[in-house]
Amino acid sequence: MIDQIREKAAAYFPEVQAIRHHIHSNPELSFQEHNTAAYISSRLTEWGVKHIAGIAGTGIAAIIEGNNPGKRCIALRADMDALPIQELNETPYRSQNAGVMHACGHDVHSSCLLGVAKIMHELREEWEGTLKLIFQPGEEKHPGGASLMIADGVLENPKPEAILALHVYPHLPVGTAGFRAGQYMASADEIYITIEGKGGHAALPHQTIDPIAIAAHVITGLQQVISRKGNPLIPSVLTFGKIAGGFATNVIPDKVEILGTLRTMDETWRYKAHELIKKITEQTCEAYGATATVEIPIGYPSLFNDPVLTMHAEGWAREYMGGENVHTLDMRMAAEDFSFYTHHVPGCFFRIGTNRNNEEFTAPVHNARFDIDEHALQVGVGLMAWCAYNAVSGNR
């Protein structure tokens, strides 16, 4: 089977490459992937793959049944949305939508999963069980398309016993892959703080309640949430990316807004930190005579790769591409809404190298010049198909 998958991944590489070019040229923002979803649906229909569209808006779930389809179900996931970035590459397949770009590789993920769909549908007489292929909207935007698709029933009828996903990784060369069992990526919550004081003349601060000065105390104080309240053995990051208030050098404003993010690897500590952020902010503002409003919408949970599933997936990768091409990934404080799936079923989120061999690393993801060595498409399709075959076959 491994040879058949390798041969088909190579044979379909030009088609998958053309699919990627189409999706990359026509990027759509989170939860607006109407044309992308229609295109994916058209390819699945062309190949005779059964699927349901319109899940959580633009999501798609395809079903491929092998022999004895009730034996087990394994899910594979790809995201479809692009980012609000103006592409600076000059490739023939560059974005045709101003200010929108597939700068995180979701075009690659969707193209690879379509390639897997074609291969596994053609080989459906060679395996038992059911594959559920999830094409997901809105990975880049709160509350995350994964949470909405789950709420819309994508993990039911049939319920998968495991789920896998791949992601581009420009820090590794093409032809390689990376895995990490256990805790891998952080949770991510957005923080919105509004401090309301009393504005007035800059030369008469005693007649005001200065929200800018108070904001400085709040930001400084909140850093102690991590450094003095958090267990130093739990990775945590609290960053404020925006502070807005005032409009002149000689005017103390009435209000200041502070925006930030909290990321951590522990779910219990995550919610304790929420409480501390609110308490410290409110009490600091009260001490100076101001009022505070603190909103922390619940974002993505931390991503935990099931150790057993990941161990097997890493083993399948070694079989497919050679042990020397399989690496152990470091933990990352970035977030991924694939984590929602891993809180419902065992999951494995791994990465494929996309950088050209022996080429110096240039553009990271979320960069206007991000692109890949497209031979990674052939690797991604073949590796994911091989993992899917083994997972659905129960090869542990």
Protein backbone atom coordinates (compact mmCIF):
# COMPACT_ATOMS: atom_id res chain seq x y z
CA MET A 1 0.00 0.00 0.00
CA ILE A 2 2.80 2.42 0.79
CA ASP A 3 4.10 2.10 -2.77
CA GLN A 4 0.65 2.71 -4.23
CA ILE A 5 0.24 5.85 -2.14
CA ARG A 6 3.70 7.11 -3.11
CA GLU A 7 2.96 6.50 -6.79
CA LYS A 8 -0.41 8.24 -6.65
CA ALA A 9 0.97 11.20 -4.69
CA ALA A 10 3.61 11.63 -7.41
CA ALA A 11 1.15 11.13 -10.26
CA TYR A 12 -1.34 13.65 -8.85
CA PHE A 13 1.26 16.23 -7.85
CA PRO A 14 0.62 18.45 -10.92
CA GLU A 15 -3.13 18.40 -10.26
CA VAL A 16 -2.70 19.19 -6.56
CA GLN A 17 -0.27 21.96 -7.51
CA ALA A 18 -2.87 23.46 -9.86
CA ILE A 19 -5.46 23.24 -7.09
CA ARG A 20 -3.12 25.08 -4.75
CA HIS A 21 -2.51 27.78 -7.36
CA HIS A 22 -6.25 28.32 -7.76
CA ILE A 23 -6.90 28.56 -4.03
CA HIS A 24 -3.85 30.76 -3.45
CA SER A 25 -4.87 33.14 -6.23
CA ASN A 26 -8.37 33.49 -4.83
CA PRO A 27 -7.96 33.85 -1.05
CA GLU A 28 -10.88 34.65 1.22
CA LEU A 29 -10.92 35.90 4.79
CA SER A 30 -12.17 33.91 7.77
CA PHE A 31 -15.83 32.88 7.55
CA GLN A 32 -16.04 34.37 4.04
CA GLU A 33 -14.67 31.31 2.19
CA HIS A 34 -17.71 30.92 -0.05
CA ASN A 35 -15.86 30.58 -3.37
CA THR A 36 -13.15 28.42 -1.81
CA ALA A 37 -15.75 26.07 -0.38
CA ALA A 38 -17.61 25.94 -3.69
CA TYR A 39 -14.38 25.08 -5.49
CA ILE A 40 -13.50 22.32 -3.01
CA SER A 41 -17.03 20.96 -3.29
CA SER A 42 -16.76 20.92 -7.08
CA ARG A 43 -13.57 18.86 -6.98
CA LEU A 44 -15.05 16.38 -4.51
CA THR A 45 -18.14 16.06 -6.72
CA GLU A 46 -15.96 15.54 -9.77
CA TRP A 47 -14.23 12.61 -8.04
CA GLY A 48 -17.44 11.12 -6.67
CA VAL A 49 -16.63 11.85 -3.03
CA LYS A 50 -19.76 12.26 -0.88
CA HIS A 51 -19.80 15.41 1.19
CA ILE A 52 -21.96 17.89 3.08
CA ALA A 53 -21.44 21.62 2.60
CA GLY A 54 -22.59 24.59 4.65
CA ILE A 55 -21.43 23.34 8.05
CA ALA A 56 -20.88 26.36 10.31
CA GLY A 57 -21.42 28.50 7.22
CA THR A 58 -18.74 27.52 4.73
CA GLY A 59 -17.39 24.28 6.21
CA ILE A 60 -17.42 20.93 4.39
CA ALA A 61 -17.34 17.36 5.68
CA ALA A 62 -16.56 14.63 3.15
CA ILE A 63 -17.08 10.94 3.85
CA ILE A 64 -15.12 8.15 2.21
CA GLU A 65 -16.22 4.65 3.11
CA GLY A 66 -13.95 1.65 2.72
CA ASN A 67 -14.95 -1.93 3.28
CA ASN A 68 -16.86 -2.49 6.54
CA PRO A 69 -17.37 1.29 7.04
CA GLY A 70 -18.69 0.87 10.58
CA LYS A 71 -15.42 -0.62 11.83
CA ARG A 72 -13.94 2.76 12.83
CA CYS A 73 -13.89 6.39 11.72
CA ILE A 74 -10.81 8.60 11.47
CA ALA A 75 -11.01 12.33 10.72
CA LEU A 76 -8.57 14.53 8.82
CA ARG A 77 -8.78 18.32 8.92
CA ALA A 78 -7.64 21.22 6.73
CA ASP A 79 -8.38 24.92 7.16
CA MET A 80 -9.41 27.18 4.26
CA ASP A 81 -9.19 30.85 5.33
CA ALA A 82 -6.61 33.48 4.39
CA LEU A 83 -5.20 36.51 6.20
CA PRO A 84 -5.69 40.29 5.74
CA ILE A 85 -2.21 40.74 4.22
CA GLN A 86 -1.22 42.30 0.88
CA GLU A 87 0.92 39.71 -0.90
CA LEU A 88 4.31 40.93 -2.13
CA ASN A 89 5.32 37.83 -4.09
CA GLU A 90 5.38 38.08 -7.88
CA THR A 91 4.51 34.48 -8.72
CA PRO A 92 1.97 33.69 -11.48
CA TYR A 93 -0.38 32.38 -8.78
CA ARG A 94 -0.11 35.42 -6.48
CA SER A 95 -3.25 36.66 -4.77
CA GLN A 96 -5.77 38.40 -7.01
CA ASN A 97 -7.72 39.77 -4.04
CA ALA A 98 -6.27 43.02 -2.76
CA GLY A 99 -5.26 42.90 0.88
CA VAL A 100 -5.93 39.18 1.28
CA MET A 101 -3.30 36.43 1.13
CA HIS A 102 -2.78 32.79 2.01
CA ALA A 103 0.19 33.66 4.20
CA CYS A 104 -0.26 30.78 6.65
CA GLY A 105 -0.42 27.87 4.22
CA HIS A 106 -4.10 27.07 4.45
CA ASP A 107 -4.14 26.81 0.66
CA VAL A 108 -1.54 24.06 1.06
CA HIS A 109 -3.54 22.28 3.74
CA SER A 110 -6.75 22.27 1.69
CA SER A 111 -4.92 21.18 -1.47
CA CYS A 112 -3.21 18.32 0.36
CA LEU A 113 -6.49 17.13 1.87
CA LEU A 114 -8.12 17.17 -1.57
CA GLY A 115 -5.22 15.07 -2.83
CA VAL A 116 -5.76 12.65 0.05
CA ALA A 117 -9.46 12.51 -0.79
CA LYS A 118 -8.73 11.50 -4.37
CA ILE A 119 -6.19 8.84 -3.40
CA MET A 120 -8.16 7.26 -0.55
CA HIS A 121 -11.38 7.29 -2.58
CA GLU A 122 -9.64 5.43 -5.39
CA LEU A 123 -8.15 2.93 -2.91
CA ARG A 124 -11.33 2.47 -0.87
CA GLU A 125 -11.51 -1.24 -1.69
CA GLU A 126 -8.07 -1.66 -0.06
CA TRP A 127 -9.01 -0.59 3.49
CA GLU A 128 -11.77 -0.87 6.07
CA GLY A 129 -13.55 1.84 7.98
CA THR A 130 -14.55 5.43 7.24
CA LEU A 131 -12.57 8.57 6.66
CA LYS A 132 -14.13 11.93 7.47
CA LEU A 133 -12.40 14.87 5.77
CA ILE A 134 -13.07 18.24 7.40
CA PHE A 135 -12.51 21.42 5.36
CA GLN A 136 -12.78 24.11 8.00
CA PRO A 137 -13.40 27.87 7.83
CA GLY A 138 -12.14 30.57 10.14
CA GLU A 139 -9.04 29.14 11.83
CA GLU A 140 -7.51 32.62 12.00
CA LYS A 141 -10.41 34.39 13.71
CA HIS A 142 -12.14 34.14 17.06
CA PRO A 143 -14.09 32.05 18.02
CA GLY A 144 -12.41 29.63 15.60
CA GLY A 145 -14.12 27.66 12.87
CA ALA A 146 -13.31 24.40 14.64
CA SER A 147 -15.51 25.31 17.61
CA LEU A 148 -18.38 26.23 15.30
CA MET A 149 -18.09 23.07 13.21
CA ILE A 150 -18.03 20.97 16.36
CA ALA A 151 -21.14 22.78 17.63
CA ASP A 152 -22.73 22.06 14.23
CA GLY A 153 -22.12 18.32 14.69
CA VAL A 154 -19.06 17.66 12.53
CA LEU A 155 -17.72 15.15 15.07
CA GLU A 156 -20.93 13.12 15.02
CA ASN A 157 -22.57 10.65 12.62
CA PRO A 158 -20.10 9.05 12.53
CA LYS A 159 -17.98 10.07 15.49
CA PRO A 160 -14.25 9.75 14.73
CA GLU A 161 -12.05 7.97 17.22
CA ALA A 162 -9.07 10.14 16.26
CA ILE A 163 -8.26 13.21 14.17
CA LEU A 164 -5.09 14.32 12.37
CA ALA A 165 -3.99 17.53 10.65
CA LEU A 166 -0.85 18.83 9.01
CA HIS A 167 0.52 22.36 8.89
CA VAL A 168 3.24 23.99 6.80
CA TYR A 169 6.55 24.67 8.57
CA PRO A 170 9.07 26.91 6.76
CA HIS A 171 11.71 26.23 9.42
CA LEU A 172 12.18 22.68 8.07
CA PRO A 173 13.27 21.73 4.55
CA VAL A 174 10.87 20.11 2.12
CA GLY A 175 10.83 16.33 2.48
CA THR A 176 10.80 16.42 6.28
CA ALA A 177 8.14 16.39 8.97
CA GLY A 178 7.93 17.27 12.65
CA PHE A 179 5.94 15.81 15.54
CA ARG A 180 5.57 16.47 19.24
CA ALA A 181 3.60 14.28 21.64
CA GLY A 182 1.75 15.80 24.58
CA GLN A 183 1.42 19.52 25.17
CA TYR A 184 2.40 21.32 21.98
CA MET A 185 0.72 24.73 21.55
CA ALA A 186 -0.74 27.32 23.90
CA SER A 187 -4.22 28.56 24.57
CA ALA A 188 -4.95 32.07 23.29
CA ASP A 189 -7.34 34.56 24.84
CA GLU A 190 -7.83 38.19 23.82
CA ILE A 191 -7.89 40.89 26.51
CA TYR A 192 -9.81 44.16 26.19
CA ILE A 193 -9.40 46.73 28.97
CA THR A 194 -11.06 50.14 29.12
CA ILE A 195 -9.95 52.58 31.82
CA GLU A 196 -12.22 55.57 32.40
CA GLY A 197 -10.96 58.54 34.37
CA LYS A 198 -11.63 62.26 34.18
CA GLY A 199 -10.10 64.35 31.45
CA GLY A 200 -8.80 67.88 31.64
CA HIS A 201 -5.90 70.24 31.01
CA ALA A 202 -2.44 68.66 31.04
CA ALA A 203 -1.16 71.52 33.22
CA LEU A 204 -3.80 70.81 35.87
CA PRO A 205 -3.46 67.08 36.56
CA HIS A 206 -4.79 67.48 40.13
CA GLN A 207 -8.18 68.29 38.65
CA THR A 208 -8.25 65.09 36.59
CA ILE A 209 -8.10 61.34 36.97
CA ASP A 210 -5.41 60.52 34.42
CA PRO A 211 -6.21 57.20 32.66
CA ILE A 212 -2.88 57.21 30.81
CA ALA A 213 -0.85 57.27 34.02
CA ILE A 214 -3.16 54.66 35.53
CA ALA A 215 -2.80 52.48 32.43
CA ALA A 216 0.96 52.43 32.98
CA HIS A 217 0.44 51.07 36.49
CA VAL A 218 -2.06 48.51 35.20
CA ILE A 219 0.26 47.18 32.51
CA THR A 220 3.20 46.98 34.92
CA GLY A 221 1.09 45.32 37.57
CA LEU A 222 -0.37 42.75 35.21
CA GLN A 223 3.08 41.49 34.26
CA GLN A 224 3.26 40.18 37.83
CA VAL A 225 0.39 37.84 37.03
CA ILE A 226 2.89 35.78 35.07
CA SER A 227 6.11 36.46 36.99
CA ARG A 228 4.73 36.16 40.55
CA LYS A 229 1.38 34.42 40.41
CA GLY A 230 2.05 31.81 37.74
CA ASN A 231 3.92 28.56 38.29
CA PRO A 232 7.27 29.10 36.52
CA LEU A 233 7.06 25.51 35.26
CA ILE A 234 3.93 26.38 33.22
CA PRO A 235 4.79 28.30 30.03
CA SER A 236 2.76 31.53 29.97
CA VAL A 237 2.87 34.79 28.01
CA LEU A 238 0.97 38.01 28.67
CA THR A 239 1.48 40.63 25.95
CA PHE A 240 -0.22 43.95 25.30
CA GLY A 241 -0.17 44.87 21.64
CA LYS A 242 -2.18 48.08 21.63
CA ILE A 243 -2.79 51.04 23.92
CA ALA A 244 -4.95 53.90 22.70
CA GLY A 245 -5.91 57.12 24.44
CA GLY A 246 -5.60 60.84 24.04
CA PHE A 247 -5.35 63.17 21.07
CA ALA A 248 -3.11 66.12 22.06
CA THR A 249 0.02 66.93 24.07
CA ASN A 250 -1.81 69.22 26.47
CA VAL A 251 -5.00 67.24 27.11
CA ILE A 252 -5.54 64.44 29.60
CA PRO A 253 -8.17 62.15 28.05
CA ASP A 254 -11.20 60.62 29.71
CA LYS A 255 -10.48 57.09 28.54
CA VAL A 256 -7.70 54.68 27.58
CA GLU A 257 -8.07 51.30 25.87
CA ILE A 258 -5.57 48.46 26.24
CA LEU A 259 -5.62 45.32 24.07
CA GLY A 260 -3.57 42.21 24.65
CA THR A 261 -3.34 38.44 24.69
CA LEU A 262 -2.81 35.73 27.29
CA ARG A 263 -1.27 32.41 26.28
CA THR A 264 -0.53 29.41 28.45
CA MET A 265 -0.16 25.63 28.38
CA ASP A 266 -2.37 24.84 31.39
CA GLU A 267 -6.15 25.14 31.29
CA THR A 268 -6.65 25.46 35.06
CA TRP A 269 -4.06 28.23 35.34
CA ARG A 270 -5.52 29.88 32.25
CA TYR A 271 -8.83 30.62 33.97
CA LYS A 272 -7.15 31.55 37.25
CA ALA A 273 -5.09 34.11 35.30
CA HIS A 274 -8.31 35.56 33.86
CA GLU A 275 -9.56 36.21 37.39
CA LEU A 276 -6.27 37.81 38.44
CA ILE A 277 -6.14 40.08 35.38
CA LYS A 278 -9.63 41.36 36.12
CA LYS A 279 -9.00 41.77 39.86
CA ILE A 280 -5.65 43.57 39.53
CA THR A 281 -6.96 45.89 36.82
CA GLU A 282 -10.12 46.82 38.68
CA GLN A 283 -8.40 47.32 42.02
CA THR A 284 -5.55 49.37 40.55
CA CYS A 285 -7.98 51.67 38.79
CA GLU A 286 -10.13 51.97 41.91
CA ALA A 287 -7.08 52.98 43.95
CA TYR A 288 -6.53 55.95 41.63
CA GLY A 289 -10.19 56.91 41.36
CA ALA A 290 -10.84 55.44 37.91
CA THR A 291 -13.11 52.62 36.75
CA ALA A 292 -12.17 49.66 34.61
CA THR A 293 -14.01 47.34 32.25
CA VAL A 294 -12.21 44.08 31.51
CA GLU A 295 -13.39 41.66 28.82
CA ILE A 296 -11.59 38.39 28.12
CA PRO A 297 -13.52 36.43 25.48
CA ILE A 298 -12.70 32.73 25.72
CA GLY A 299 -10.40 31.89 22.82
CA TYR A 300 -8.62 28.75 21.69
CA PRO A 301 -7.67 26.13 24.27
CA SER A 302 -4.19 24.66 24.47
CA LEU A 303 -3.32 21.98 21.95
CA PHE A 304 -2.49 18.54 23.32
CA ASN A 305 -1.27 15.85 20.95
CA ASP A 306 -2.40 12.44 22.11
CA PRO A 307 0.85 10.62 23.02
CA VAL A 308 -0.17 7.21 21.66
CA LEU A 309 -1.64 8.51 18.40
CA THR A 310 1.34 10.82 17.88
CA MET A 311 3.80 8.01 18.56
CA HIS A 312 2.12 5.92 15.88
CA ALA A 313 1.86 8.83 13.42
CA GLU A 314 5.56 9.55 13.87
CA GLY A 315 6.28 5.89 13.22
CA TRP A 316 4.19 5.94 10.04
CA ALA A 317 6.09 9.04 8.94
CA ARG A 318 9.40 7.26 9.48
CA GLU A 319 8.16 4.41 7.31
CA TYR A 320 7.02 6.78 4.58
CA MET A 321 9.92 9.24 4.44
CA GLY A 322 12.79 7.73 6.40
CA GLY A 323 13.71 8.24 10.03
CA GLU A 324 16.33 10.87 9.25
CA ASN A 325 13.59 13.12 7.86
CA VAL A 326 11.34 13.03 10.94
CA HIS A 327 12.05 15.57 13.68
CA THR A 328 10.82 16.41 17.17
CA LEU A 329 9.19 19.84 17.36
CA ASP A 330 9.65 22.37 20.15
CA MET A 331 6.63 23.61 22.09
CA ARG A 332 5.13 26.82 20.67
CA MET A 333 3.27 29.65 22.39
CA ALA A 334 1.29 30.28 19.21
CA ALA A 335 -2.24 28.87 19.11
CA GLU A 336 -4.28 26.72 16.74
CA ASP A 337 -7.99 26.06 16.80
CA PHE A 338 -7.33 22.40 15.94
CA SER A 339 -7.04 22.29 19.73
CA PHE A 340 -10.85 22.29 19.98
CA TYR A 341 -10.94 18.89 18.29
CA THR A 342 -8.28 17.51 20.64
CA HIS A 343 -10.52 18.31 23.62
CA HIS A 344 -13.15 15.96 22.14
CA VAL A 345 -11.17 13.16 20.49
CA PRO A 346 -7.49 12.11 20.48
CA GLY A 347 -5.63 14.27 17.97
CA CYS A 348 -2.28 14.64 16.27
CA PHE A 349 -1.24 17.96 14.76
CA PHE A 350 2.05 17.69 12.89
CA ARG A 351 4.08 19.79 10.48
CA ILE A 352 5.66 19.30 7.07
CA GLY A 353 8.78 21.12 5.95
CA THR A 354 8.20 23.64 3.16
CA ASN A 355 11.57 25.38 2.81
CA ARG A 356 13.76 24.59 -0.17
CA ASN A 357 16.67 22.29 0.65
CA ASN A 358 19.89 24.11 1.49
CA GLU A 359 18.15 27.48 1.16
CA GLU A 360 18.41 30.04 3.92
CA PHE A 361 15.16 30.57 5.80
CA THR A 362 13.49 33.73 4.50
CA ALA A 363 9.82 34.40 5.18
CA PRO A 364 7.85 32.99 8.12
CA VAL A 365 4.12 32.37 8.06
CA HIS A 366 1.92 35.48 8.37
CA ASN A 367 4.45 37.33 6.21
CA ALA A 368 3.66 39.09 2.91
CA ARG A 369 6.41 37.12 1.16
CA PHE A 370 5.58 33.67 2.53
CA ASP A 371 5.61 30.86 -0.03
CA ILE A 372 6.62 27.20 -0.17
CA ASP A 373 8.66 24.75 -2.16
CA GLU A 374 5.69 23.12 -3.85
CA HIS A 375 7.20 19.65 -3.71
CA ALA A 376 5.92 19.81 -0.13
CA LEU A 377 2.46 19.22 -1.65
CA GLN A 378 3.48 15.78 -2.87
CA VAL A 379 5.01 15.00 0.52
CA GLY A 380 1.97 16.27 2.39
CA VAL A 381 -0.54 14.35 0.28
CA GLY A 382 1.40 11.10 0.48
CA LEU A 383 2.24 11.32 4.16
CA MET A 384 -1.29 12.25 5.19
CA ALA A 385 -2.78 9.48 3.03
CA TRP A 386 -0.36 6.95 4.55
CA CYS A 387 -1.21 8.10 8.07
CA ALA A 388 -4.93 7.96 7.25
CA TYR A 389 -4.61 4.44 5.86
CA ASN A 390 -2.80 3.18 8.94
CA ALA A 391 -5.08 5.00 11.40
CA VAL A 392 -8.31 3.77 9.82
CA SER A 393 -6.85 0.26 9.52
CA GLY A 394 -6.00 0.22 13.22
CA ASN A 395 -2.29 -0.30 12.60
CA ARG A 396 -0.97 0.61 16.01
